[in-house]
Amino acid sequence: IGPGTANSHGYERTHIDGLRNTYALLLAYLEAGQKEAEPVDWLEDVASRMKAGKITGKALAQECGYTPTYLSTVLTGKKGTEQTRKRISEGLQRLERRGKTR
C-alpha cells in the first residue's frame, strides 16, 4: 500500500491526495482489524456454552429459525452480521434456560 508517485528528473513527486487516500485506507484496515476480535471471542463463547449445555447445532439452529447449514457457516466465522449473532445468542440463552439438549 502506498501513494502513487511520478518519477521526474531523478526525484519522485507525490500528490497530497495520494497521501490522504493512503492514510484513509490504512486507518480503515486498522479499524477493521479491531472489529475482527469481537466475533472471534463471540464464536468461542458460543462454542463453549453449547458444549457445557450439551446443546446441539441442530437444536440451536431450530431455536433461531436457521438451517443447520447456515448456523454452521456463522459459527465458523464465514457469514453472519451483528444481528445474526444477537439472534443466535438469544436462542442459545433460551435453550440454556430450558436445559434443552436436542
PDB file of N, CA and C in Angstrom:
ATOM      1  N   ILE A   1       0.855  -1.166   0.000  1.00  0.00           N
ATOM      2  CA  ILE A   1       0.000   0.000   0.000  1.00  0.00           C
ATOM      3  C   ILE A   1       0.902   1.231   0.000  1.00  0.00           C
ATOM      4  N   GLY A   2       0.594   2.137  -0.842  1.00  0.00           N
ATOM      5  CA  GLY A   2       1.384   3.348  -0.870  1.00  0.00           C
ATOM      6  C   GLY A   2       0.813   4.338  -1.859  1.00  0.00           C
ATOM      7  N   PRO A   3       1.195   5.583  -1.715  1.00  0.00           N
ATOM      8  CA  PRO A   3       0.694   6.601  -2.633  1.00  0.00           C
ATOM      9  C   PRO A   3       1.343   6.453  -4.002  1.00  0.00           C
ATOM     10  N   GLY A   4       0.636   6.901  -5.008  1.00  0.00           N
ATOM     11  CA  GLY A   4       1.218   6.892  -6.342  1.00  0.00           C
ATOM     12  C   GLY A   4       2.316   7.927  -6.443  1.00  0.00           C
ATOM     13  N   THR A   5       3.344   7.598  -7.161  1.00  0.00           N
ATOM     14  CA  THR A   5       4.451   8.536  -7.335  1.00  0.00           C
ATOM     15  C   THR A   5       4.751   8.695  -8.813  1.00  0.00           C
ATOM     16  N   ALA A   6       5.353   9.808  -9.145  1.00  0.00           N
ATOM     17  CA  ALA A   6       5.771  10.060 -10.522  1.00  0.00           C
ATOM     18  C   ALA A   6       7.254  10.415 -10.497  1.00  0.00           C
ATOM     19  N   ASN A   7       8.038   9.718 -11.283  1.00  0.00           N
ATOM     20  CA  ASN A   7       9.477   9.950 -11.315  1.00  0.00           C
ATOM     21  C   ASN A   7       9.769  10.985 -12.396  1.00  0.00           C
ATOM     22  N   SER A   8      10.431  12.052 -12.007  1.00  0.00           N
ATOM     23  CA  SER A   8      10.734  13.097 -12.965  1.00  0.00           C
ATOM     24  C   SER A   8      12.072  13.736 -12.622  1.00  0.00           C
ATOM     25  N   HIS A   9      12.980  13.742 -13.565  1.00  0.00           N
ATOM     26  CA  HIS A   9      14.286  14.375 -13.403  1.00  0.00           C
ATOM     27  C   HIS A   9      15.060  13.857 -12.198  1.00  0.00           C
ATOM     28  N   GLY A  10      14.964  12.565 -11.905  1.00  0.00           N
ATOM     29  CA  GLY A  10      15.766  11.987 -10.834  1.00  0.00           C
ATOM     30  C   GLY A  10      15.176  12.114  -9.437  1.00  0.00           C
ATOM     31  N   TYR A  11      13.986  12.625  -9.293  1.00  0.00           N
ATOM     32  CA  TYR A  11      13.359  12.658  -7.974  1.00  0.00           C
ATOM     33  C   TYR A  11      11.876  12.288  -8.113  1.00  0.00           C
ATOM     34  N   GLU A  12      11.283  11.827  -7.018  1.00  0.00           N
ATOM     35  CA  GLU A  12       9.883  11.411  -7.061  1.00  0.00           C
ATOM     36  C   GLU A  12       8.981  12.500  -6.499  1.00  0.00           C
ATOM     37  N   ARG A  13       7.833  12.624  -7.124  1.00  0.00           N
ATOM     38  CA  ARG A  13       6.835  13.573  -6.628  1.00  0.00           C
ATOM     39  C   ARG A  13       5.597  12.792  -6.229  1.00  0.00           C
ATOM     40  N   THR A  14       4.997  13.166  -5.130  1.00  0.00           N
ATOM     41  CA  THR A  14       3.780  12.524  -4.640  1.00  0.00           C
ATOM     42  C   THR A  14       2.703  13.582  -4.456  1.00  0.00           C
ATOM     43  N   HIS A  15       1.526  13.300  -4.948  1.00  0.00           N
ATOM     44  CA  HIS A  15       0.418  14.242  -4.793  1.00  0.00           C
ATOM     45  C   HIS A  15      -0.165  14.099  -3.387  1.00  0.00           C
ATOM     46  N   ILE A  16      -0.591  15.203  -2.796  1.00  0.00           N
ATOM     47  CA  ILE A  16      -1.128  15.195  -1.430  1.00  0.00           C
ATOM     48  C   ILE A  16      -2.361  14.299  -1.325  1.00  0.00           C
ATOM     49  N   ASP A  17      -3.166  14.209  -2.377  1.00  0.00           N
ATOM     50  CA  ASP A  17      -4.341  13.340  -2.345  1.00  0.00           C
ATOM     51  C   ASP A  17      -3.934  11.871  -2.213  1.00  0.00           C
ATOM     52  N   GLY A  18      -2.800  11.513  -2.812  1.00  0.00           N
ATOM     53  CA  GLY A  18      -2.308  10.145  -2.675  1.00  0.00           C
ATOM     54  C   GLY A  18      -1.953   9.822  -1.234  1.00  0.00           C
ATOM     55  N   LEU A  19      -1.347  10.778  -0.544  1.00  0.00           N
ATOM     56  CA  LEU A  19      -1.017  10.581   0.872  1.00  0.00           C
ATOM     57  C   LEU A  19      -2.281  10.481   1.720  1.00  0.00           C
ATOM     58  N   ARG A  20      -3.243  11.360   1.462  1.00  0.00           N
ATOM     59  CA  ARG A  20      -4.503  11.326   2.221  1.00  0.00           C
ATOM     60  C   ARG A  20      -5.247  10.011   2.006  1.00  0.00           C
ATOM     61  N   ASN A  21      -5.307   9.567   0.766  1.00  0.00           N
ATOM     62  CA  ASN A  21      -6.015   8.316   0.478  1.00  0.00           C
ATOM     63  C   ASN A  21      -5.312   7.114   1.100  1.00  0.00           C
ATOM     64  N   THR A  22      -3.995   7.118   1.096  1.00  0.00           N
ATOM     65  CA  THR A  22      -3.244   6.037   1.737  1.00  0.00           C
ATOM     66  C   THR A  22      -3.517   6.020   3.229  1.00  0.00           C
ATOM     67  N   TYR A  23      -3.521   7.195   3.840  1.00  0.00           N
ATOM     68  CA  TYR A  23      -3.824   7.296   5.277  1.00  0.00           C
ATOM     69  C   TYR A  23      -5.223   6.755   5.565  1.00  0.00           C
ATOM     70  N   ALA A  24      -6.212   7.149   4.757  1.00  0.00           N
ATOM     71  CA  ALA A  24      -7.590   6.698   4.961  1.00  0.00           C
ATOM     72  C   ALA A  24      -7.695   5.175   4.814  1.00  0.00           C
ATOM     73  N   LEU A  25      -6.996   4.615   3.844  1.00  0.00           N
ATOM     74  CA  LEU A  25      -7.022   3.178   3.631  1.00  0.00           C
ATOM     75  C   LEU A  25      -6.380   2.433   4.798  1.00  0.00           C
ATOM     76  N   LEU A  26      -5.242   2.897   5.257  1.00  0.00           N
ATOM     77  CA  LEU A  26      -4.583   2.267   6.404  1.00  0.00           C
ATOM     78  C   LEU A  26      -5.445   2.352   7.654  1.00  0.00           C
ATOM     79  N   LEU A  27      -6.079   3.477   7.867  1.00  0.00           N
ATOM     80  CA  LEU A  27      -6.966   3.642   9.018  1.00  0.00           C
ATOM     81  C   LEU A  27      -8.129   2.665   8.938  1.00  0.00           C
ATOM     82  N   ALA A  28      -8.699   2.498   7.753  1.00  0.00           N
ATOM     83  CA  ALA A  28      -9.808   1.555   7.580  1.00  0.00           C
ATOM     84  C   ALA A  28      -9.353   0.130   7.874  1.00  0.00           C
ATOM     85  N   TYR A  29      -8.165  -0.257   7.420  1.00  0.00           N
ATOM     86  CA  TYR A  29      -7.643  -1.593   7.714  1.00  0.00           C
ATOM     87  C   TYR A  29      -7.438  -1.789   9.214  1.00  0.00           C
ATOM     88  N   LEU A  30      -6.899  -0.793   9.877  1.00  0.00           N
ATOM     89  CA  LEU A  30      -6.658  -0.899  11.312  1.00  0.00           C
ATOM     90  C   LEU A  30      -7.964  -1.015  12.086  1.00  0.00           C
ATOM     91  N   GLU A  31      -8.954  -0.212  11.714  1.00  0.00           N
ATOM     92  CA  GLU A  31     -10.244  -0.281  12.389  1.00  0.00           C
ATOM     93  C   GLU A  31     -10.933  -1.608  12.126  1.00  0.00           C
ATOM     94  N   ALA A  32     -10.818  -2.127  10.928  1.00  0.00           N
ATOM     95  CA  ALA A  32     -11.428  -3.425  10.612  1.00  0.00           C
ATOM     96  C   ALA A  32     -10.767  -4.531  11.425  1.00  0.00           C
ATOM     97  N   GLY A  33      -9.458  -4.451  11.623  1.00  0.00           N
ATOM     98  CA  GLY A  33      -8.751  -5.445  12.421  1.00  0.00           C
ATOM     99  C   GLY A  33      -9.222  -5.448  13.858  1.00  0.00           C
ATOM    100  N   GLN A  34      -9.543  -4.289  14.408  1.00  0.00           N
ATOM    101  CA  GLN A  34     -10.038  -4.205  15.773  1.00  0.00           C
ATOM    102  C   GLN A  34     -11.423  -4.811  15.881  1.00  0.00           C
ATOM    103  N   LYS A  35     -12.237  -4.668  14.875  1.00  0.00           N
ATOM    104  CA  LYS A  35     -13.592  -5.204  14.901  1.00  0.00           C
ATOM    105  C   LYS A  35     -13.597  -6.722  14.738  1.00  0.00           C
ATOM    106  N   GLU A  36     -12.565  -7.288  14.134  1.00  0.00           N
ATOM    107  CA  GLU A  36     -12.496  -8.731  13.939  1.00  0.00           C
ATOM    108  C   GLU A  36     -12.376  -9.492  15.255  1.00  0.00           C
ATOM    109  N   ALA A  37     -11.793  -8.890  16.259  1.00  0.00           N
ATOM    110  CA  ALA A  37     -11.568  -9.584  17.525  1.00  0.00           C
ATOM    111  C   ALA A  37     -12.877  -9.951  18.206  1.00  0.00           C
ATOM    112  N   GLU A  38     -13.885  -9.095  18.091  1.00  0.00           N
ATOM    113  CA  GLU A  38     -15.148  -9.347  18.773  1.00  0.00           C
ATOM    114  C   GLU A  38     -15.834 -10.625  18.298  1.00  0.00           C
ATOM    115  N   PRO A  39     -16.033 -10.845  16.969  1.00  0.00           N
ATOM    116  CA  PRO A  39     -16.686 -12.083  16.547  1.00  0.00           C
ATOM    117  C   PRO A  39     -15.925 -13.337  16.959  1.00  0.00           C
ATOM    118  N   VAL A  40     -14.598 -13.291  16.969  1.00  0.00           N
ATOM    119  CA  VAL A  40     -13.825 -14.469  17.380  1.00  0.00           C
ATOM    120  C   VAL A  40     -14.126 -14.801  18.834  1.00  0.00           C
ATOM    121  N   ASP A  41     -14.133 -13.791  19.701  1.00  0.00           N
ATOM    122  CA  ASP A  41     -14.474 -14.006  21.100  1.00  0.00           C
ATOM    123  C   ASP A  41     -15.894 -14.542  21.231  1.00  0.00           C
ATOM    124  N   TRP A  42     -16.793 -14.000  20.435  1.00  0.00           N
ATOM    125  CA  TRP A  42     -18.185 -14.435  20.457  1.00  0.00           C
ATOM    126  C   TRP A  42     -18.296 -15.899  20.028  1.00  0.00           C
ATOM    127  N   LEU A  43     -17.584 -16.271  18.972  1.00  0.00           N
ATOM    128  CA  LEU A  43     -17.617 -17.651  18.494  1.00  0.00           C
ATOM    129  C   LEU A  43     -17.123 -18.614  19.570  1.00  0.00           C
ATOM    130  N   GLU A  44     -16.040 -18.259  20.229  1.00  0.00           N
ATOM    131  CA  GLU A  44     -15.509 -19.113  21.292  1.00  0.00           C
ATOM    132  C   GLU A  44     -16.500 -19.235  22.436  1.00  0.00           C
ATOM    133  N   ASP A  45     -17.161 -18.133  22.771  1.00  0.00           N
ATOM    134  CA  ASP A  45     -18.155 -18.142  23.843  1.00  0.00           C
ATOM    135  C   ASP A  45     -19.322 -19.052  23.495  1.00  0.00           C
ATOM    136  N   VAL A  46     -19.848 -18.928  22.285  1.00  0.00           N
ATOM    137  CA  VAL A  46     -20.985 -19.762  21.863  1.00  0.00           C
ATOM    138  C   VAL A  46     -20.595 -21.236  21.873  1.00  0.00           C
ATOM    139  N   ALA A  47     -19.426 -21.551  21.329  1.00  0.00           N
ATOM    140  CA  ALA A  47     -18.985 -22.950  21.284  1.00  0.00           C
ATOM    141  C   ALA A  47     -18.847 -23.535  22.687  1.00  0.00           C
ATOM    142  N   SER A  48     -18.277 -22.789  23.606  1.00  0.00           N
ATOM    143  CA  SER A  48     -18.097 -23.315  24.963  1.00  0.00           C
ATOM    144  C   SER A  48     -19.434 -23.455  25.686  1.00  0.00           C
ATOM    145  N   ARG A  49     -20.352 -22.524  25.448  1.00  0.00           N
ATOM    146  CA  ARG A  49     -21.677 -22.619  26.078  1.00  0.00           C
ATOM    147  C   ARG A  49     -22.472 -23.787  25.513  1.00  0.00           C
ATOM    148  N   MET A  50     -22.358 -24.022  24.203  1.00  0.00           N
ATOM    149  CA  MET A  50     -23.056 -25.168  23.605  1.00  0.00           C
ATOM    150  C   MET A  50     -22.517 -26.472  24.193  1.00  0.00           C
ATOM    151  N   LYS A  51     -21.211 -26.556  24.324  1.00  0.00           N
ATOM    152  CA  LYS A  51     -20.601 -27.759  24.873  1.00  0.00           C
ATOM    153  C   LYS A  51     -21.018 -27.967  26.323  1.00  0.00           C
ATOM    154  N   ALA A  52     -20.962 -26.906  27.114  1.00  0.00           N
ATOM    155  CA  ALA A  52     -21.315 -27.008  28.536  1.00  0.00           C
ATOM    156  C   ALA A  52     -22.781 -27.395  28.725  1.00  0.00           C
ATOM    157  N   GLY A  53     -23.646 -26.852  27.872  1.00  0.00           N
ATOM    158  CA  GLY A  53     -25.071 -27.146  27.985  1.00  0.00           C
ATOM    159  C   GLY A  53     -25.510 -28.350  27.181  1.00  0.00           C
ATOM    160  N   LYS A  54     -24.555 -29.002  26.513  1.00  0.00           N
ATOM    161  CA  LYS A  54     -24.854 -30.148  25.643  1.00  0.00           C
ATOM    162  C   LYS A  54     -25.945 -29.793  24.627  1.00  0.00           C
ATOM    163  N   ILE A  55     -25.790 -28.616  24.029  1.00  0.00           N
ATOM    164  CA  ILE A  55     -26.746 -28.122  23.041  1.00  0.00           C
ATOM    165  C   ILE A  55     -26.192 -28.398  21.650  1.00  0.00           C
ATOM    166  N   THR A  56     -26.968 -29.077  20.860  1.00  0.00           N
ATOM    167  CA  THR A  56     -26.521 -29.430  19.511  1.00  0.00           C
ATOM    168  C   THR A  56     -26.721 -28.251  18.555  1.00  0.00           C
ATOM    169  N   GLY A  57     -25.976 -28.288  17.470  1.00  0.00           N
ATOM    170  CA  GLY A  57     -26.138 -27.275  16.436  1.00  0.00           C
ATOM    171  C   GLY A  57     -27.522 -27.335  15.827  1.00  0.00           C
ATOM    172  N   LYS A  58     -28.051 -28.536  15.695  1.00  0.00           N
ATOM    173  CA  LYS A  58     -29.391 -28.705  15.133  1.00  0.00           C
ATOM    174  C   LYS A  58     -30.439 -28.041  16.020  1.00  0.00           C
ATOM    175  N   ALA A  59     -30.312 -28.235  17.341  1.00  0.00           N
ATOM    176  CA  ALA A  59     -31.268 -27.627  18.274  1.00  0.00           C
ATOM    177  C   ALA A  59     -31.162 -26.105  18.254  1.00  0.00           C
ATOM    178  N   LEU A  60     -29.936 -25.601  18.221  1.00  0.00           N
ATOM    179  CA  LEU A  60     -29.743 -24.150  18.205  1.00  0.00           C
ATOM    180  C   LEU A  60     -30.261 -23.551  16.905  1.00  0.00           C
ATOM    181  N   ALA A  61     -29.988 -24.205  15.798  1.00  0.00           N
ATOM    182  CA  ALA A  61     -30.473 -23.714  14.502  1.00  0.00           C
ATOM    183  C   ALA A  61     -31.997 -23.655  14.501  1.00  0.00           C
ATOM    184  N   GLN A  62     -32.631 -24.694  14.991  1.00  0.00           N
ATOM    185  CA  GLN A  62     -34.091 -24.740  15.033  1.00  0.00           C
ATOM    186  C   GLN A  62     -34.628 -23.621  15.934  1.00  0.00           C
ATOM    187  N   GLU A  63     -34.016 -23.415  17.070  1.00  0.00           N
ATOM    188  CA  GLU A  63     -34.445 -22.367  18.007  1.00  0.00           C
ATOM    189  C   GLU A  63     -34.337 -20.980  17.385  1.00  0.00           C
ATOM    190  N   CYS A  64     -33.330 -20.784  16.549  1.00  0.00           N
ATOM    191  CA  CYS A  64     -33.093 -19.467  15.936  1.00  0.00           C
ATOM    192  C   CYS A  64     -33.847 -19.278  14.625  1.00  0.00           C
ATOM    193  N   GLY A  65     -34.403 -20.354  14.090  1.00  0.00           N
ATOM    194  CA  GLY A  65     -35.087 -20.264  12.803  1.00  0.00           C
ATOM    195  C   GLY A  65     -34.139 -20.321  11.621  1.00  0.00           C
ATOM    196  N   TYR A  66     -32.968 -20.909  11.831  1.00  0.00           N
ATOM    197  CA  TYR A  66     -31.976 -21.070  10.773  1.00  0.00           C
ATOM    198  C   TYR A  66     -31.851 -22.543  10.408  1.00  0.00           C
ATOM    199  N   THR A  67     -31.267 -22.802   9.250  1.00  0.00           N
ATOM    200  CA  THR A  67     -30.942 -24.182   8.914  1.00  0.00           C
ATOM    201  C   THR A  67     -29.635 -24.533   9.620  1.00  0.00           C
ATOM    202  N   PRO A  68     -29.420 -25.818   9.895  1.00  0.00           N
ATOM    203  CA  PRO A  68     -28.147 -26.208  10.496  1.00  0.00           C
ATOM    204  C   PRO A  68     -26.946 -25.807   9.639  1.00  0.00           C
ATOM    205  N   THR A  69     -27.097 -25.850   8.329  1.00  0.00           N
ATOM    206  CA  THR A  69     -26.010 -25.478   7.427  1.00  0.00           C
ATOM    207  C   THR A  69     -25.653 -24.003   7.580  1.00  0.00           C
ATOM    208  N   TYR A  70     -26.674 -23.137   7.630  1.00  0.00           N
ATOM    209  CA  TYR A  70     -26.407 -21.711   7.782  1.00  0.00           C
ATOM    210  C   TYR A  70     -25.776 -21.430   9.143  1.00  0.00           C
ATOM    211  N   LEU A  71     -26.304 -22.043  10.187  1.00  0.00           N
ATOM    212  CA  LEU A  71     -25.732 -21.850  11.517  1.00  0.00           C
ATOM    213  C   LEU A  71     -24.262 -22.244  11.523  1.00  0.00           C
ATOM    214  N   SER A  72     -23.942 -23.330  10.862  1.00  0.00           N
ATOM    215  CA  SER A  72     -22.548 -23.783  10.792  1.00  0.00           C
ATOM    216  C   SER A  72     -21.652 -22.742  10.133  1.00  0.00           C
ATOM    217  N   THR A  73     -22.137 -22.109   9.064  1.00  0.00           N
ATOM    218  CA  THR A  73     -21.317 -21.096   8.394  1.00  0.00           C
ATOM    219  C   THR A  73     -21.120 -19.872   9.286  1.00  0.00           C
ATOM    220  N   VAL A  74     -22.113 -19.564  10.109  1.00  0.00           N
ATOM    221  CA  VAL A  74     -21.962 -18.443  11.038  1.00  0.00           C
ATOM    222  C   VAL A  74     -20.976 -18.813  12.142  1.00  0.00           C
ATOM    223  N   LEU A  75     -21.102 -20.031  12.676  1.00  0.00           N
ATOM    224  CA  LEU A  75     -20.259 -20.448  13.794  1.00  0.00           C
ATOM    225  C   LEU A  75     -18.810 -20.743  13.385  1.00  0.00           C
ATOM    226  N   THR A  76     -18.558 -20.825  12.095  1.00  0.00           N
ATOM    227  CA  THR A  76     -17.172 -20.948  11.632  1.00  0.00           C
ATOM    228  C   THR A  76     -16.617 -19.594  11.187  1.00  0.00           C
ATOM    229  N   GLY A  77     -17.422 -18.542  11.355  1.00  0.00           N
ATOM    230  CA  GLY A  77     -16.966 -17.193  11.043  1.00  0.00           C
ATOM    231  C   GLY A  77     -17.027 -16.816   9.581  1.00  0.00           C
ATOM    232  N   LYS A  78     -17.687 -17.624   8.753  1.00  0.00           N
ATOM    233  CA  LYS A  78     -17.727 -17.337   7.317  1.00  0.00           C
ATOM    234  C   LYS A  78     -18.852 -16.387   6.935  1.00  0.00           C
ATOM    235  N   LYS A  79     -19.913 -16.357   7.740  1.00  0.00           N
ATOM    236  CA  LYS A  79     -21.059 -15.488   7.454  1.00  0.00           C
ATOM    237  C   LYS A  79     -21.581 -14.922   8.766  1.00  0.00           C
ATOM    238  N   GLY A  80     -22.527 -14.017   8.642  1.00  0.00           N
ATOM    239  CA  GLY A  80     -23.202 -13.501   9.812  1.00  0.00           C
ATOM    240  C   GLY A  80     -22.946 -12.030  10.057  1.00  0.00           C
ATOM    241  N   THR A  81     -23.957 -11.384  10.614  1.00  0.00           N
ATOM    242  CA  THR A  81     -23.890  -9.975  10.963  1.00  0.00           C
ATOM    243  C   THR A  81     -24.069  -9.848  12.468  1.00  0.00           C
ATOM    244  N   GLU A  82     -24.011  -8.651  12.951  1.00  0.00           N
ATOM    245  CA  GLU A  82     -24.253  -8.409  14.377  1.00  0.00           C
ATOM    246  C   GLU A  82     -25.663  -8.870  14.751  1.00  0.00           C
ATOM    247  N   GLN A  83     -26.622  -8.633  13.875  1.00  0.00           N
ATOM    248  CA  GLN A  83     -27.999  -9.059  14.120  1.00  0.00           C
ATOM    249  C   GLN A  83     -28.091 -10.594  14.182  1.00  0.00           C
ATOM    250  N   THR A  84     -27.366 -11.273  13.312  1.00  0.00           N
ATOM    251  CA  THR A  84     -27.342 -12.735  13.325  1.00  0.00           C
ATOM    252  C   THR A  84     -26.758 -13.240  14.636  1.00  0.00           C
ATOM    253  N   ARG A  85     -25.646 -12.641  15.056  1.00  0.00           N
ATOM    254  CA  ARG A  85     -25.019 -13.053  16.317  1.00  0.00           C
ATOM    255  C   ARG A  85     -25.959 -12.831  17.497  1.00  0.00           C
ATOM    256  N   LYS A  86     -26.700 -11.726  17.471  1.00  0.00           N
ATOM    257  CA  LYS A  86     -27.653 -11.438  18.548  1.00  0.00           C
ATOM    258  C   LYS A  86     -28.756 -12.492  18.578  1.00  0.00           C
ATOM    259  N   ARG A  87     -29.265 -12.834  17.416  1.00  0.00           N
ATOM    260  CA  ARG A  87     -30.331 -13.838  17.331  1.00  0.00           C
ATOM    261  C   ARG A  87     -29.852 -15.195  17.846  1.00  0.00           C
ATOM    262  N   ILE A  88     -28.633 -15.565  17.497  1.00  0.00           N
ATOM    263  CA  ILE A  88     -28.076 -16.837  17.962  1.00  0.00           C
ATOM    264  C   ILE A  88     -27.840 -16.797  19.467  1.00  0.00           C
ATOM    265  N   SER A  89     -27.329 -15.700  19.973  1.00  0.00           N
ATOM    266  CA  SER A  89     -27.100 -15.568  21.415  1.00  0.00           C
ATOM    267  C   SER A  89     -28.406 -15.680  22.193  1.00  0.00           C
ATOM    268  N   GLU A  90     -29.439 -15.040  21.688  1.00  0.00           N
ATOM    269  CA  GLU A  90     -30.740 -15.104  22.352  1.00  0.00           C
ATOM    270  C   GLU A  90     -31.307 -16.522  22.314  1.00  0.00           C
ATOM    271  N   GLY A  91     -31.176 -17.196  21.173  1.00  0.00           N
ATOM    272  CA  GLY A  91     -31.642 -18.571  21.065  1.00  0.00           C
ATOM    273  C   GLY A  91     -30.878 -19.494  22.000  1.00  0.00           C
ATOM    274  N   LEU A  92     -29.579 -19.297  22.077  1.00  0.00           N
ATOM    275  CA  LEU A  92     -28.743 -20.101  22.971  1.00  0.00           C
ATOM    276  C   LEU A  92     -29.144 -19.873  24.423  1.00  0.00           C
ATOM    277  N   GLN A  93     -29.423 -18.642  24.762  1.00  0.00           N
ATOM    278  CA  GLN A  93     -29.838 -18.321  26.126  1.00  0.00           C
ATOM    279  C   GLN A  93     -31.163 -19.008  26.474  1.00  0.00           C
ATOM    280  N   ARG A  94     -32.099 -19.017  25.539  1.00  0.00           N
ATOM    281  CA  ARG A  94     -33.382 -19.696  25.785  1.00  0.00           C
ATOM    282  C   ARG A  94     -33.169 -21.188  25.994  1.00  0.00           C
ATOM    283  N   LEU A  95     -32.328 -21.790  25.159  1.00  0.00           N
ATOM    284  CA  LEU A  95     -32.054 -23.228  25.304  1.00  0.00           C
ATOM    285  C   LEU A  95     -31.359 -23.530  26.628  1.00  0.00           C
ATOM    286  N   GLU A  96     -30.449 -22.677  27.033  1.00  0.00           N
ATOM    287  CA  GLU A  96     -29.752 -22.878  28.314  1.00  0.00           C
ATOM    288  C   GLU A  96     -30.739 -22.822  29.472  1.00  0.00           C
ATOM    289  N   ARG A  97     -31.683 -21.917  29.400  1.00  0.00           N
ATOM    290  CA  ARG A  97     -32.677 -21.798  30.472  1.00  0.00           C
ATOM    291  C   ARG A  97     -33.575 -23.022  30.541  1.00  0.00           C
ATOM    292  N   ARG A  98     -33.906 -23.572  29.391  1.00  0.00           N
ATOM    293  CA  ARG A  98     -34.771 -24.751  29.360  1.00  0.00           C
ATOM    294  C   ARG A  98     -33.997 -26.038  29.612  1.00  0.00           C
ATOM    295  N   GLY A  99     -32.705 -25.995  29.447  1.00  0.00           N
ATOM    296  CA  GLY A  99     -31.896 -27.200  29.609  1.00  0.00           C
ATOM    297  C   GLY A  99     -32.121 -28.182  28.472  1.00  0.00           C
ATOM    298  N   LYS A 100     -32.466 -27.645  27.295  1.00  0.00           N
ATOM    299  CA  LYS A 100     -32.735 -28.487  26.133  1.00  0.00           C
ATOM    300  C   LYS A 100     -31.436 -28.991  25.542  1.00  0.00           C
ATOM    301  N   THR A 101     -31.394 -30.285  25.230  1.00  0.00           N
ATOM    302  CA  THR A 101     -30.175 -30.869  24.665  1.00  0.00           C
ATOM    303  C   THR A 101     -30.350 -31.341  23.237  1.00  0.00           C
ATOM    304  N   ARG A 102     -31.542 -31.417  22.719  1.00  0.00           N
ATOM    305  CA  ARG A 102     -31.736 -31.880  21.330  1.00  0.00           C
ATOM    306  C   ARG A 102     -32.752 -31.067  20.612  1.00  0.00           C
TER     307      ARG A 102
END
